[in-house]
Amino acid sequence: MKELKLKNGSIEVDVTIAAIMMNLEALFAKNKFAFYDLVMKCNNESYEWEYRNSKRVMKNYHLMESDGKILDDIQNVVLSAVEIDGGDMRIVDPIDRN
């Protein structure tokens, strides 16, 4: 296992990043509403869920704990991997390559 620096400055383990990215990309492909809620929640802890099924969906994708908490490593990858351009979101490489 190798530790890597993410774009938000955090350090995470490579296999953890890969697993989170796989689930994040699957969520993006299947449920844009839950993806949007996840990104908003990671950016602002006090964000109120806009879509009622988002919590259930994120738990199914292992992007949220059963108690509703988003773990720090997940939040770090989301914050590093999602770029917002106006109203559009896209997934990019979360690793700081500089």
PDB file of N, CA and C in Angstrom:
ATOM      1  N   MET A   1       0.842  -1.180   0.000  1.00  0.00           N
ATOM      2  CA  MET A   1       0.000   0.000   0.000  1.00  0.00           C
ATOM      3  C   MET A   1       0.883   1.238   0.000  1.00  0.00           C
ATOM      4  N   LYS A   2       0.414   2.223  -0.721  1.00  0.00           N
ATOM      5  CA  LYS A   2       1.191   3.439  -0.892  1.00  0.00           C
ATOM      6  C   LYS A   2       0.311   4.639  -0.531  1.00  0.00           C
ATOM      7  N   GLU A   3       0.872   5.566   0.213  1.00  0.00           N
ATOM      8  CA  GLU A   3       0.147   6.789   0.545  1.00  0.00           C
ATOM      9  C   GLU A   3       0.339   7.807  -0.574  1.00  0.00           C
ATOM     10  N   LEU A   4      -0.780   8.453  -0.946  1.00  0.00           N
ATOM     11  CA  LEU A   4      -0.754   9.446  -2.009  1.00  0.00           C
ATOM     12  C   LEU A   4      -1.376  10.750  -1.526  1.00  0.00           C
ATOM     13  N   LYS A   5      -0.867  11.846  -2.039  1.00  0.00           N
ATOM     14  CA  LYS A   5      -1.414  13.159  -1.697  1.00  0.00           C
ATOM     15  C   LYS A   5      -2.537  13.499  -2.676  1.00  0.00           C
ATOM     16  N   LEU A   6      -3.680  13.889  -2.122  1.00  0.00           N
ATOM     17  CA  LEU A   6      -4.818  14.289  -2.938  1.00  0.00           C
ATOM     18  C   LEU A   6      -4.782  15.792  -3.194  1.00  0.00           C
ATOM     19  N   LYS A   7      -5.597  16.234  -4.136  1.00  0.00           N
ATOM     20  CA  LYS A   7      -5.640  17.654  -4.510  1.00  0.00           C
ATOM     21  C   LYS A   7      -6.070  18.558  -3.364  1.00  0.00           C
ATOM     22  N   ASN A   8      -6.817  18.027  -2.386  1.00  0.00           N
ATOM     23  CA  ASN A   8      -7.230  18.858  -1.250  1.00  0.00           C
ATOM     24  C   ASN A   8      -6.163  18.889  -0.155  1.00  0.00           C
ATOM     25  N   GLY A   9      -5.012  18.246  -0.413  1.00  0.00           N
ATOM     26  CA  GLY A   9      -3.900  18.274   0.531  1.00  0.00           C
ATOM     27  C   GLY A   9      -3.858  17.098   1.486  1.00  0.00           C
ATOM     28  N   SER A  10      -4.885  16.288   1.519  1.00  0.00           N
ATOM     29  CA  SER A  10      -4.914  15.145   2.429  1.00  0.00           C
ATOM     30  C   SER A  10      -4.076  13.996   1.872  1.00  0.00           C
ATOM     31  N   ILE A  11      -3.728  13.076   2.745  1.00  0.00           N
ATOM     32  CA  ILE A  11      -2.965  11.885   2.374  1.00  0.00           C
ATOM     33  C   ILE A  11      -3.869  10.676   2.602  1.00  0.00           C
ATOM     34  N   GLU A  12      -4.007   9.841   1.565  1.00  0.00           N
ATOM     35  CA  GLU A  12      -4.834   8.636   1.657  1.00  0.00           C
ATOM     36  C   GLU A  12      -4.076   7.474   1.024  1.00  0.00           C
ATOM     37  N   VAL A  13      -4.485   6.273   1.370  1.00  0.00           N
ATOM     38  CA  VAL A  13      -3.863   5.055   0.857  1.00  0.00           C
ATOM     39  C   VAL A  13      -4.403   4.751  -0.544  1.00  0.00           C
ATOM     40  N   ASP A  14      -3.519   4.329  -1.433  1.00  0.00           N
ATOM     41  CA  ASP A  14      -3.879   4.119  -2.836  1.00  0.00           C
ATOM     42  C   ASP A  14      -5.063   3.171  -3.028  1.00  0.00           C
ATOM     43  N   VAL A  15      -5.115   2.067  -2.290  1.00  0.00           N
ATOM     44  CA  VAL A  15      -6.228   1.124  -2.469  1.00  0.00           C
ATOM     45  C   VAL A  15      -7.543   1.715  -1.981  1.00  0.00           C
ATOM     46  N   THR A  16      -7.483   2.552  -0.978  1.00  0.00           N
ATOM     47  CA  THR A  16      -8.683   3.235  -0.488  1.00  0.00           C
ATOM     48  C   THR A  16      -9.184   4.211  -1.537  1.00  0.00           C
ATOM     49  N   ILE A  17      -8.267   4.960  -2.123  1.00  0.00           N
ATOM     50  CA  ILE A  17      -8.636   5.907  -3.185  1.00  0.00           C
ATOM     51  C   ILE A  17      -9.285   5.157  -4.347  1.00  0.00           C
ATOM     52  N   ALA A  18      -8.684   4.056  -4.756  1.00  0.00           N
ATOM     53  CA  ALA A  18      -9.204   3.280  -5.887  1.00  0.00           C
ATOM     54  C   ALA A  18     -10.609   2.761  -5.608  1.00  0.00           C
ATOM     55  N   ALA A  19     -10.834   2.247  -4.410  1.00  0.00           N
ATOM     56  CA  ALA A  19     -12.156   1.715  -4.061  1.00  0.00           C
ATOM     57  C   ALA A  19     -13.209   2.819  -4.036  1.00  0.00           C
ATOM     58  N   ILE A  20     -12.866   3.948  -3.450  1.00  0.00           N
ATOM     59  CA  ILE A  20     -13.810   5.069  -3.391  1.00  0.00           C
ATOM     60  C   ILE A  20     -14.097   5.589  -4.796  1.00  0.00           C
ATOM     61  N   MET A  21     -13.067   5.705  -5.616  1.00  0.00           N
ATOM     62  CA  MET A  21     -13.261   6.190  -6.989  1.00  0.00           C
ATOM     63  C   MET A  21     -14.163   5.256  -7.789  1.00  0.00           C
ATOM     64  N   MET A  22     -13.995   3.962  -7.615  1.00  0.00           N
ATOM     65  CA  MET A  22     -14.833   3.001  -8.324  1.00  0.00           C
ATOM     66  C   MET A  22     -16.305   3.202  -7.955  1.00  0.00           C
ATOM     67  N   ASN A  23     -16.574   3.357  -6.671  1.00  0.00           N
ATOM     68  CA  ASN A  23     -17.951   3.568  -6.220  1.00  0.00           C
ATOM     69  C   ASN A  23     -18.474   4.942  -6.617  1.00  0.00           C
ATOM     70  N   LEU A  24     -17.618   5.936  -6.570  1.00  0.00           N
ATOM     71  CA  LEU A  24     -18.011   7.288  -6.958  1.00  0.00           C
ATOM     72  C   LEU A  24     -18.378   7.341  -8.445  1.00  0.00           C
ATOM     73  N   GLU A  25     -17.573   6.713  -9.272  1.00  0.00           N
ATOM     74  CA  GLU A  25     -17.851   6.684 -10.707  1.00  0.00           C
ATOM     75  C   GLU A  25     -19.133   5.908 -11.010  1.00  0.00           C
ATOM     76  N   ALA A  26     -19.365   4.824 -10.286  1.00  0.00           N
ATOM     77  CA  ALA A  26     -20.598   4.058 -10.475  1.00  0.00           C
ATOM     78  C   ALA A  26     -21.811   4.883 -10.062  1.00  0.00           C
ATOM     79  N   LEU A  27     -21.696   5.591  -8.949  1.00  0.00           N
ATOM     80  CA  LEU A  27     -22.795   6.454  -8.504  1.00  0.00           C
ATOM     81  C   LEU A  27     -23.066   7.544  -9.536  1.00  0.00           C
ATOM     82  N   PHE A  28     -22.020   8.159 -10.052  1.00  0.00           N
ATOM     83  CA  PHE A  28     -22.161   9.209 -11.059  1.00  0.00           C
ATOM     84  C   PHE A  28     -22.887   8.680 -12.296  1.00  0.00           C
ATOM     85  N   ALA A  29     -22.565   7.470 -12.703  1.00  0.00           N
ATOM     86  CA  ALA A  29     -23.168   6.874 -13.896  1.00  0.00           C
ATOM     87  C   ALA A  29     -24.631   6.489 -13.682  1.00  0.00           C
ATOM     88  N   LYS A  30     -24.979   6.104 -12.466  1.00  0.00           N
ATOM     89  CA  LYS A  30     -26.319   5.546 -12.214  1.00  0.00           C
ATOM     90  C   LYS A  30     -27.302   6.510 -11.567  1.00  0.00           C
ATOM     91  N   ASN A  31     -26.806   7.442 -10.756  1.00  0.00           N
ATOM     92  CA  ASN A  31     -27.729   8.286  -9.997  1.00  0.00           C
ATOM     93  C   ASN A  31     -27.124   9.675  -9.779  1.00  0.00           C
ATOM     94  N   LYS A  32     -27.346  10.551 -10.734  1.00  0.00           N
ATOM     95  CA  LYS A  32     -26.786  11.911 -10.667  1.00  0.00           C
ATOM     96  C   LYS A  32     -27.343  12.705  -9.483  1.00  0.00           C
ATOM     97  N   PHE A  33     -28.585  12.413  -9.083  1.00  0.00           N
ATOM     98  CA  PHE A  33     -29.179  13.146  -7.960  1.00  0.00           C
ATOM     99  C   PHE A  33     -28.438  12.842  -6.657  1.00  0.00           C
ATOM    100  N   ALA A  34     -28.200  11.569  -6.387  1.00  0.00           N
ATOM    101  CA  ALA A  34     -27.473  11.186  -5.177  1.00  0.00           C
ATOM    102  C   ALA A  34     -26.027  11.675  -5.251  1.00  0.00           C
ATOM    103  N   PHE A  35     -25.434  11.629  -6.438  1.00  0.00           N
ATOM    104  CA  PHE A  35     -24.078  12.123  -6.623  1.00  0.00           C
ATOM    105  C   PHE A  35     -24.008  13.604  -6.260  1.00  0.00           C
ATOM    106  N   TYR A  36     -24.954  14.373  -6.757  1.00  0.00           N
ATOM    107  CA  TYR A  36     -25.021  15.805  -6.452  1.00  0.00           C
ATOM    108  C   TYR A  36     -25.110  16.022  -4.937  1.00  0.00           C
ATOM    109  N   ASP A  37     -26.004  15.283  -4.283  1.00  0.00           N
ATOM    110  CA  ASP A  37     -26.156  15.429  -2.833  1.00  0.00           C
ATOM    111  C   ASP A  37     -24.865  15.081  -2.102  1.00  0.00           C
ATOM    112  N   LEU A  38     -24.180  14.029  -2.536  1.00  0.00           N
ATOM    113  CA  LEU A  38     -22.920  13.644  -1.899  1.00  0.00           C
ATOM    114  C   LEU A  38     -21.893  14.760  -2.020  1.00  0.00           C
ATOM    115  N   VAL A  39     -21.744  15.318  -3.200  1.00  0.00           N
ATOM    116  CA  VAL A  39     -20.773  16.395  -3.406  1.00  0.00           C
ATOM    117  C   VAL A  39     -21.124  17.607  -2.548  1.00  0.00           C
ATOM    118  N   MET A  40     -22.384  17.972  -2.529  1.00  0.00           N
ATOM    119  CA  MET A  40     -22.811  19.122  -1.735  1.00  0.00           C
ATOM    120  C   MET A  40     -22.571  18.875  -0.242  1.00  0.00           C
ATOM    121  N   LYS A  41     -22.866  17.665   0.232  1.00  0.00           N
ATOM    122  CA  LYS A  41     -22.673  17.335   1.653  1.00  0.00           C
ATOM    123  C   LYS A  41     -21.181  17.351   2.011  1.00  0.00           C
ATOM    124  N   CYS A  42     -20.331  16.858   1.109  1.00  0.00           N
ATOM    125  CA  CYS A  42     -18.893  16.872   1.373  1.00  0.00           C
ATOM    126  C   CYS A  42     -18.342  18.299   1.405  1.00  0.00           C
ATOM    127  N   ASN A  43     -18.939  19.186   0.638  1.00  0.00           N
ATOM    128  CA  ASN A  43     -18.519  20.591   0.621  1.00  0.00           C
ATOM    129  C   ASN A  43     -19.059  21.390   1.793  1.00  0.00           C
ATOM    130  N   ASN A  44     -20.188  20.951   2.361  1.00  0.00           N
ATOM    131  CA  ASN A  44     -20.853  21.706   3.423  1.00  0.00           C
ATOM    132  C   ASN A  44     -21.598  20.738   4.327  1.00  0.00           C
ATOM    133  N   GLU A  45     -21.040  20.497   5.510  1.00  0.00           N
ATOM    134  CA  GLU A  45     -21.622  19.527   6.444  1.00  0.00           C
ATOM    135  C   GLU A  45     -23.070  19.834   6.811  1.00  0.00           C
ATOM    136  N   SER A  46     -23.452  21.088   6.794  1.00  0.00           N
ATOM    137  CA  SER A  46     -24.812  21.458   7.179  1.00  0.00           C
ATOM    138  C   SER A  46     -25.796  21.396   6.009  1.00  0.00           C
ATOM    139  N   TYR A  47     -25.326  20.977   4.840  1.00  0.00           N
ATOM    140  CA  TYR A  47     -26.195  20.836   3.666  1.00  0.00           C
ATOM    141  C   TYR A  47     -27.347  19.882   3.983  1.00  0.00           C
ATOM    142  N   GLU A  48     -28.539  20.292   3.620  1.00  0.00           N
ATOM    143  CA  GLU A  48     -29.728  19.452   3.791  1.00  0.00           C
ATOM    144  C   GLU A  48     -29.957  18.667   2.517  1.00  0.00           C
ATOM    145  N   TRP A  49     -30.146  17.371   2.633  1.00  0.00           N
ATOM    146  CA  TRP A  49     -30.336  16.493   1.481  1.00  0.00           C
ATOM    147  C   TRP A  49     -31.491  16.991   0.619  1.00  0.00           C
ATOM    148  N   GLU A  50     -31.220  17.140  -0.662  1.00  0.00           N
ATOM    149  CA  GLU A  50     -32.244  17.605  -1.585  1.00  0.00           C
ATOM    150  C   GLU A  50     -33.116  16.449  -2.084  1.00  0.00           C
ATOM    151  N   TYR A  51     -32.534  15.281  -2.213  1.00  0.00           N
ATOM    152  CA  TYR A  51     -33.256  14.120  -2.746  1.00  0.00           C
ATOM    153  C   TYR A  51     -33.417  13.069  -1.655  1.00  0.00           C
ATOM    154  N   ARG A  52     -34.643  12.652  -1.426  1.00  0.00           N
ATOM    155  CA  ARG A  52     -34.952  11.804  -0.263  1.00  0.00           C
ATOM    156  C   ARG A  52     -34.281  10.435  -0.296  1.00  0.00           C
ATOM    157  N   ASN A  53     -33.950   9.921  -1.465  1.00  0.00           N
ATOM    158  CA  ASN A  53     -33.347   8.596  -1.543  1.00  0.00           C
ATOM    159  C   ASN A  53     -31.823   8.616  -1.498  1.00  0.00           C
ATOM    160  N   SER A  54     -31.233   9.780  -1.439  1.00  0.00           N
ATOM    161  CA  SER A  54     -29.775   9.890  -1.532  1.00  0.00           C
ATOM    162  C   SER A  54     -29.047   9.111  -0.448  1.00  0.00           C
ATOM    163  N   LYS A  55     -29.493   9.200   0.771  1.00  0.00           N
ATOM    164  CA  LYS A  55     -28.801   8.492   1.858  1.00  0.00           C
ATOM    165  C   LYS A  55     -28.796   6.990   1.612  1.00  0.00           C
ATOM    166  N   ARG A  56     -29.925   6.454   1.239  1.00  0.00           N
ATOM    167  CA  ARG A  56     -30.021   5.013   0.986  1.00  0.00           C
ATOM    168  C   ARG A  56     -29.096   4.617  -0.166  1.00  0.00           C
ATOM    169  N   VAL A  57     -29.127   5.395  -1.230  1.00  0.00           N
ATOM    170  CA  VAL A  57     -28.296   5.104  -2.400  1.00  0.00           C
ATOM    171  C   VAL A  57     -26.815   5.157  -2.023  1.00  0.00           C
ATOM    172  N   MET A  58     -26.392   6.182  -1.293  1.00  0.00           N
ATOM    173  CA  MET A  58     -24.984   6.315  -0.922  1.00  0.00           C
ATOM    174  C   MET A  58     -24.524   5.192  -0.009  1.00  0.00           C
ATOM    175  N   LYS A  59     -25.405   4.741   0.873  1.00  0.00           N
ATOM    176  CA  LYS A  59     -25.064   3.592   1.719  1.00  0.00           C
ATOM    177  C   LYS A  59     -24.872   2.355   0.856  1.00  0.00           C
ATOM    178  N   ASN A  60     -25.711   2.175  -0.153  1.00  0.00           N
ATOM    179  CA  ASN A  60     -25.578   1.027  -1.058  1.00  0.00           C
ATOM    180  C   ASN A  60     -24.264   1.055  -1.833  1.00  0.00           C
ATOM    181  N   TYR A  61     -23.760   2.238  -2.118  1.00  0.00           N
ATOM    182  CA  TYR A  61     -22.488   2.387  -2.824  1.00  0.00           C
ATOM    183  C   TYR A  61     -21.302   2.494  -1.861  1.00  0.00           C
ATOM    184  N   HIS A  62     -21.544   2.300  -0.585  1.00  0.00           N
ATOM    185  CA  HIS A  62     -20.511   2.346   0.461  1.00  0.00           C
ATOM    186  C   HIS A  62     -19.799   3.696   0.509  1.00  0.00           C
ATOM    187  N   LEU A  63     -20.570   4.753   0.253  1.00  0.00           N
ATOM    188  CA  LEU A  63     -20.023   6.104   0.329  1.00  0.00           C
ATOM    189  C   LEU A  63     -20.511   6.833   1.575  1.00  0.00           C
ATOM    190  N   MET A  64     -21.259   6.119   2.406  1.00  0.00           N
ATOM    191  CA  MET A  64     -21.784   6.671   3.650  1.00  0.00           C
ATOM    192  C   MET A  64     -21.955   5.525   4.644  1.00  0.00           C
ATOM    193  N   GLU A  65     -21.677   5.797   5.902  1.00  0.00           N
ATOM    194  CA  GLU A  65     -21.867   4.806   6.947  1.00  0.00           C
ATOM    195  C   GLU A  65     -23.359   4.615   7.230  1.00  0.00           C
ATOM    196  N   SER A  66     -23.699   3.540   7.912  1.00  0.00           N
ATOM    197  CA  SER A  66     -25.111   3.253   8.215  1.00  0.00           C
ATOM    198  C   SER A  66     -25.738   4.330   9.100  1.00  0.00           C
ATOM    199  N   ASP A  67     -24.909   5.036   9.877  1.00  0.00           N
ATOM    200  CA  ASP A  67     -25.426   6.109  10.734  1.00  0.00           C
ATOM    201  C   ASP A  67     -25.540   7.451  10.004  1.00  0.00           C
ATOM    202  N   GLY A  68     -25.216   7.459   8.706  1.00  0.00           N
ATOM    203  CA  GLY A  68     -25.330   8.675   7.908  1.00  0.00           C
ATOM    204  C   GLY A  68     -24.051   9.490   7.810  1.00  0.00           C
ATOM    205  N   LYS A  69     -22.987   9.052   8.454  1.00  0.00           N
ATOM    206  CA  LYS A  69     -21.722   9.800   8.428  1.00  0.00           C
ATOM    207  C   LYS A  69     -20.938   9.493   7.155  1.00  0.00           C
ATOM    208  N   ILE A  70     -20.361  10.535   6.596  1.00  0.00           N
ATOM    209  CA  ILE A  70     -19.440  10.380   5.476  1.00  0.00           C
ATOM    210  C   ILE A  70     -18.035  10.414   6.068  1.00  0.00           C
ATOM    211  N   LEU A  71     -17.305   9.327   5.914  1.00  0.00           N
ATOM    212  CA  LEU A  71     -15.972   9.231   6.500  1.00  0.00           C
ATOM    213  C   LEU A  71     -15.010  10.218   5.851  1.00  0.00           C
ATOM    214  N   ASP A  72     -13.982  10.588   6.603  1.00  0.00           N
ATOM    215  CA  ASP A  72     -13.007  11.571   6.140  1.00  0.00           C
ATOM    216  C   ASP A  72     -12.344  11.161   4.831  1.00  0.00           C
ATOM    217  N   ASP A  73     -11.983   9.870   4.691  1.00  0.00           N
ATOM    218  CA  ASP A  73     -11.305   9.458   3.464  1.00  0.00           C
ATOM    219  C   ASP A  73     -12.221   9.595   2.247  1.00  0.00           C
ATOM    220  N   ILE A  74     -13.507   9.305   2.424  1.00  0.00           N
ATOM    221  CA  ILE A  74     -14.468   9.471   1.335  1.00  0.00           C
ATOM    222  C   ILE A  74     -14.615  10.946   0.999  1.00  0.00           C
ATOM    223  N   GLN A  75     -14.760  11.766   2.016  1.00  0.00           N
ATOM    224  CA  GLN A  75     -14.897  13.203   1.790  1.00  0.00           C
ATOM    225  C   GLN A  75     -13.666  13.758   1.074  1.00  0.00           C
ATOM    226  N   ASN A  76     -12.483  13.336   1.481  1.00  0.00           N
ATOM    227  CA  ASN A  76     -11.256  13.822   0.847  1.00  0.00           C
ATOM    228  C   ASN A  76     -11.189  13.451  -0.626  1.00  0.00           C
ATOM    229  N   VAL A  77     -11.570  12.216  -0.955  1.00  0.00           N
ATOM    230  CA  VAL A  77     -11.542  11.791  -2.359  1.00  0.00           C
ATOM    231  C   VAL A  77     -12.589  12.557  -3.157  1.00  0.00           C
ATOM    232  N   VAL A  78     -13.790  12.695  -2.611  1.00  0.00           N
ATOM    233  CA  VAL A  78     -14.846  13.433  -3.321  1.00  0.00           C
ATOM    234  C   VAL A  78     -14.409  14.870  -3.577  1.00  0.00           C
ATOM    235  N   LEU A  79     -13.898  15.524  -2.563  1.00  0.00           N
ATOM    236  CA  LEU A  79     -13.478  16.921  -2.716  1.00  0.00           C
ATOM    237  C   LEU A  79     -12.331  17.073  -3.711  1.00  0.00           C
ATOM    238  N   SER A  80     -11.515  16.045  -3.842  1.00  0.00           N
ATOM    239  CA  SER A  80     -10.381  16.090  -4.762  1.00  0.00           C
ATOM    240  C   SER A  80     -10.737  15.623  -6.168  1.00  0.00           C
ATOM    241  N   ALA A  81     -11.760  14.801  -6.302  1.00  0.00           N
ATOM    242  CA  ALA A  81     -12.077  14.160  -7.582  1.00  0.00           C
ATOM    243  C   ALA A  81     -13.200  14.822  -8.356  1.00  0.00           C
ATOM    244  N   VAL A  82     -13.943  15.703  -7.720  1.00  0.00           N
ATOM    245  CA  VAL A  82     -15.089  16.301  -8.409  1.00  0.00           C
ATOM    246  C   VAL A  82     -14.813  17.771  -8.667  1.00  0.00           C
ATOM    247  N   GLU A  83     -14.890  18.128  -9.943  1.00  0.00           N
ATOM    248  CA  GLU A  83     -14.762  19.527 -10.340  1.00  0.00           C
ATOM    249  C   GLU A  83     -16.142  20.042 -10.701  1.00  0.00           C
ATOM    250  N   ILE A  84     -16.420  21.248 -10.248  1.00  0.00           N
ATOM    251  CA  ILE A  84     -17.700  21.895 -10.538  1.00  0.00           C
ATOM    252  C   ILE A  84     -17.415  23.089 -11.430  1.00  0.00           C
ATOM    253  N   ASP A  85     -18.062  23.111 -12.576  1.00  0.00           N
ATOM    254  CA  ASP A  85     -17.905  24.200 -13.534  1.00  0.00           C
ATOM    255  C   ASP A  85     -19.296  24.719 -13.854  1.00  0.00           C
ATOM    256  N   GLY A  86     -19.656  25.817 -13.223  1.00  0.00           N
ATOM    257  CA  GLY A  86     -21.027  26.311 -13.357  1.00  0.00           C
ATOM    258  C   GLY A  86     -21.971  25.302 -12.730  1.00  0.00           C
ATOM    259  N   GLY A  87     -22.897  24.797 -13.516  1.00  0.00           N
ATOM    260  CA  GLY A  87     -23.818  23.787 -13.012  1.00  0.00           C
ATOM    261  C   GLY A  87     -23.398  22.367 -13.330  1.00  0.00           C
ATOM    262  N   ASP A  88     -22.254  22.209 -13.992  1.00  0.00           N
ATOM    263  CA  ASP A  88     -21.787  20.884 -14.386  1.00  0.00           C
ATOM    264  C   ASP A  88     -20.774  20.342 -13.393  1.00  0.00           C
ATOM    265  N   MET A  89     -20.852  19.036 -13.154  1.00  0.00           N
ATOM    266  CA  MET A  89     -19.877  18.349 -12.318  1.00  0.00           C
ATOM    267  C   MET A  89     -19.229  17.265 -13.149  1.00  0.00           C
ATOM    268  N   ARG A  90     -17.943  17.058 -12.910  1.00  0.00           N
ATOM    269  CA  ARG A  90     -17.256  15.958 -13.574  1.00  0.00           C
ATOM    270  C   ARG A  90     -16.234  15.358 -12.619  1.00  0.00           C
ATOM    271  N   ILE A  91     -15.941  14.097 -12.867  1.00  0.00           N
ATOM    272  CA  ILE A  91     -14.964  13.381 -12.054  1.00  0.00           C
ATOM    273  C   ILE A  91     -13.601  13.468 -12.741  1.00  0.00           C
ATOM    274  N   VAL A  92     -12.597  13.816 -11.960  1.00  0.00           N
ATOM    275  CA  VAL A  92     -11.232  13.925 -12.456  1.00  0.00           C
ATOM    276  C   VAL A  92     -10.317  13.113 -11.547  1.00  0.00           C
ATOM    277  N   ASP A  93      -9.075  13.006 -11.925  1.00  0.00           N
ATOM    278  CA  ASP A  93      -8.072  12.329 -11.115  1.00  0.00           C
ATOM    279  C   ASP A  93      -7.907  13.091  -9.786  1.00  0.00           C
ATOM    280  N   PRO A  94      -8.108  12.421  -8.642  1.00  0.00           N
ATOM    281  CA  PRO A  94      -8.023  13.124  -7.358  1.00  0.00           C
ATOM    282  C   PRO A  94      -6.604  13.338  -6.850  1.00  0.00           C
ATOM    283  N   ILE A  95      -5.632  12.711  -7.487  1.00  0.00           N
ATOM    284  CA  ILE A  95      -4.268  12.732  -6.967  1.00  0.00           C
ATOM    285  C   ILE A  95      -3.549  13.996  -7.404  1.00  0.00           C
ATOM    286  N   ASP A  96      -2.838  14.603  -6.446  1.00  0.00           N
ATOM    287  CA  ASP A  96      -2.036  15.793  -6.710  1.00  0.00           C
ATOM    288  C   ASP A  96      -0.745  15.324  -7.383  1.00  0.00           C
ATOM    289  N   ARG A  97      -0.611  15.586  -8.653  1.00  0.00           N
ATOM    290  CA  ARG A  97       0.547  15.113  -9.425  1.00  0.00           C
ATOM    291  C   ARG A  97       1.666  16.151  -9.484  1.00  0.00           C
ATOM    292  N   ASN A  98       1.526  17.254  -8.765  1.00  0.00           N
ATOM    293  CA  ASN A  98       2.564  18.296  -8.766  1.00  0.00           C
ATOM    294  C   ASN A  98       3.632  18.002  -7.749  1.00  0.00           C
TER     295      ASN A  98
END
